[in-house]
């Protein structure tokens, strides 16, 4: 399974299911920021 949060990469250029997995940290952080947590303050609001 591959999505916008991570991708499989291979030196040979043809990644398989067991190839190295690299994470898209910007997309993951965006997802975390969009989660509604009761009582949590937004980091940008202080």
N, C-alpha and C. Protein backbone atom coordinates (compact mmCIF):
# COMPACT_ATOMS: atom_id res chain seq x y z
N UNK A 1 0.84 -1.18 0.00
CA UNK A 1 0.00 0.00 0.00
C UNK A 1 0.89 1.24 0.00
N UNK A 2 0.53 2.18 -0.80
CA UNK A 2 1.32 3.38 -0.95
C UNK A 2 0.36 4.56 -1.07
N UNK A 3 0.70 5.66 -0.46
CA UNK A 3 -0.19 6.81 -0.53
C UNK A 3 0.57 8.10 -0.46
N UNK A 4 -0.13 9.19 -0.15
CA UNK A 4 0.54 10.48 -0.10
C UNK A 4 1.38 10.64 1.16
N UNK A 5 1.17 9.78 2.19
CA UNK A 5 1.95 9.87 3.41
C UNK A 5 3.31 9.19 3.30
N UNK A 6 3.43 8.21 2.44
CA UNK A 6 4.72 7.54 2.27
C UNK A 6 4.82 6.91 0.89
N UNK A 7 6.06 6.64 0.48
CA UNK A 7 6.34 6.02 -0.82
C UNK A 7 7.43 4.96 -0.64
N UNK A 8 7.37 3.94 -1.46
CA UNK A 8 8.42 2.93 -1.50
C UNK A 8 9.45 3.35 -2.55
N UNK A 9 10.73 3.21 -2.21
CA UNK A 9 11.81 3.55 -3.12
C UNK A 9 12.79 2.39 -3.22
N UNK A 10 13.40 2.25 -4.39
CA UNK A 10 14.41 1.22 -4.60
C UNK A 10 15.53 1.78 -5.46
N UNK A 11 16.76 1.37 -5.17
CA UNK A 11 17.92 1.81 -5.93
C UNK A 11 17.78 1.41 -7.40
N UNK A 12 17.20 0.24 -7.65
CA UNK A 12 17.03 -0.26 -9.01
C UNK A 12 15.99 0.52 -9.79
N UNK A 13 15.16 1.30 -9.10
CA UNK A 13 14.13 2.09 -9.77
C UNK A 13 12.78 1.41 -9.87
N UNK A 14 12.67 0.16 -9.44
CA UNK A 14 11.40 -0.57 -9.48
C UNK A 14 11.07 -1.05 -8.07
N UNK A 15 10.47 -0.19 -7.23
CA UNK A 15 10.23 -0.56 -5.84
C UNK A 15 9.17 -1.66 -5.70
N UNK A 16 9.40 -2.51 -4.72
CA UNK A 16 8.45 -3.58 -4.41
C UNK A 16 7.88 -3.38 -3.01
N UNK A 17 7.11 -4.36 -2.55
CA UNK A 17 6.47 -4.26 -1.24
C UNK A 17 7.47 -4.17 -0.09
N UNK A 18 8.67 -4.70 -0.27
CA UNK A 18 9.66 -4.72 0.80
C UNK A 18 10.76 -3.69 0.59
N UNK A 19 10.55 -2.75 -0.31
CA UNK A 19 11.54 -1.69 -0.55
C UNK A 19 11.49 -0.68 0.59
N UNK A 20 12.53 0.15 0.65
CA UNK A 20 12.60 1.18 1.68
C UNK A 20 11.40 2.11 1.58
N UNK A 21 10.91 2.51 2.74
CA UNK A 21 9.73 3.38 2.81
C UNK A 21 10.17 4.74 3.34
N UNK A 22 9.86 5.80 2.59
CA UNK A 22 10.18 7.16 3.01
C UNK A 22 8.88 7.91 3.29
N UNK A 23 8.86 8.64 4.40
CA UNK A 23 7.65 9.34 4.82
C UNK A 23 7.63 10.78 4.33
N UNK A 24 6.44 11.27 3.99
CA UNK A 24 6.23 12.66 3.60
C UNK A 24 5.84 13.42 4.86
N UNK A 25 6.83 13.97 5.57
CA UNK A 25 6.59 14.57 6.88
C UNK A 25 5.65 15.78 6.79
N UNK A 26 5.70 16.54 5.70
CA UNK A 26 4.79 17.68 5.57
C UNK A 26 3.33 17.23 5.55
N UNK A 27 3.05 16.17 4.82
CA UNK A 27 1.67 15.65 4.75
C UNK A 27 1.23 15.07 6.09
N UNK A 28 2.13 14.40 6.79
CA UNK A 28 1.81 13.83 8.09
C UNK A 28 1.54 14.94 9.10
N UNK A 29 2.38 15.98 9.12
CA UNK A 29 2.17 17.10 10.05
C UNK A 29 0.87 17.83 9.74
N UNK A 30 0.53 17.98 8.47
CA UNK A 30 -0.73 18.62 8.08
C UNK A 30 -1.91 17.80 8.62
N UNK A 31 -1.82 16.48 8.52
CA UNK A 31 -2.88 15.61 9.01
C UNK A 31 -3.04 15.75 10.53
N UNK A 32 -1.91 15.76 11.25
CA UNK A 32 -1.94 15.91 12.71
C UNK A 32 -2.56 17.23 13.10
N UNK A 33 -2.16 18.32 12.43
CA UNK A 33 -2.70 19.64 12.75
C UNK A 33 -4.20 19.72 12.49
N UNK A 34 -4.70 18.96 11.53
CA UNK A 34 -6.13 18.99 11.20
C UNK A 34 -6.99 18.14 12.12
N UNK A 35 -6.37 17.35 12.99
CA UNK A 35 -7.13 16.53 13.93
C UNK A 35 -7.66 17.41 15.05
N UNK A 36 -8.90 17.24 15.41
CA UNK A 36 -9.51 18.02 16.49
C UNK A 36 -9.28 17.28 17.80
N UNK A 37 -8.47 17.86 18.66
CA UNK A 37 -8.17 17.27 19.96
C UNK A 37 -8.86 18.08 21.05
N UNK A 38 -9.70 17.47 21.87
CA UNK A 38 -10.39 18.21 22.93
C UNK A 38 -9.40 18.83 23.90
N UNK A 39 -9.54 20.12 24.13
CA UNK A 39 -8.69 20.83 25.09
C UNK A 39 -7.31 21.18 24.59
N UNK A 40 -6.95 20.78 23.38
CA UNK A 40 -5.62 21.07 22.85
C UNK A 40 -5.60 22.45 22.22
N UNK A 41 -4.49 23.16 22.42
CA UNK A 41 -4.31 24.47 21.80
C UNK A 41 -3.54 24.32 20.52
N UNK A 42 -3.86 25.15 19.55
CA UNK A 42 -3.12 25.19 18.29
C UNK A 42 -1.77 25.85 18.56
N UNK A 43 -0.68 25.28 18.07
CA UNK A 43 0.66 25.81 18.30
C UNK A 43 0.79 27.24 17.80
N UNK A 44 0.09 27.59 16.73
CA UNK A 44 0.21 28.94 16.19
C UNK A 44 -0.61 29.96 16.98
N UNK A 45 -1.54 29.50 17.83
CA UNK A 45 -2.37 30.43 18.60
C UNK A 45 -1.79 30.71 19.98
N UNK A 46 -0.71 30.04 20.34
CA UNK A 46 -0.05 30.32 21.59
C UNK A 46 -0.37 29.35 22.62
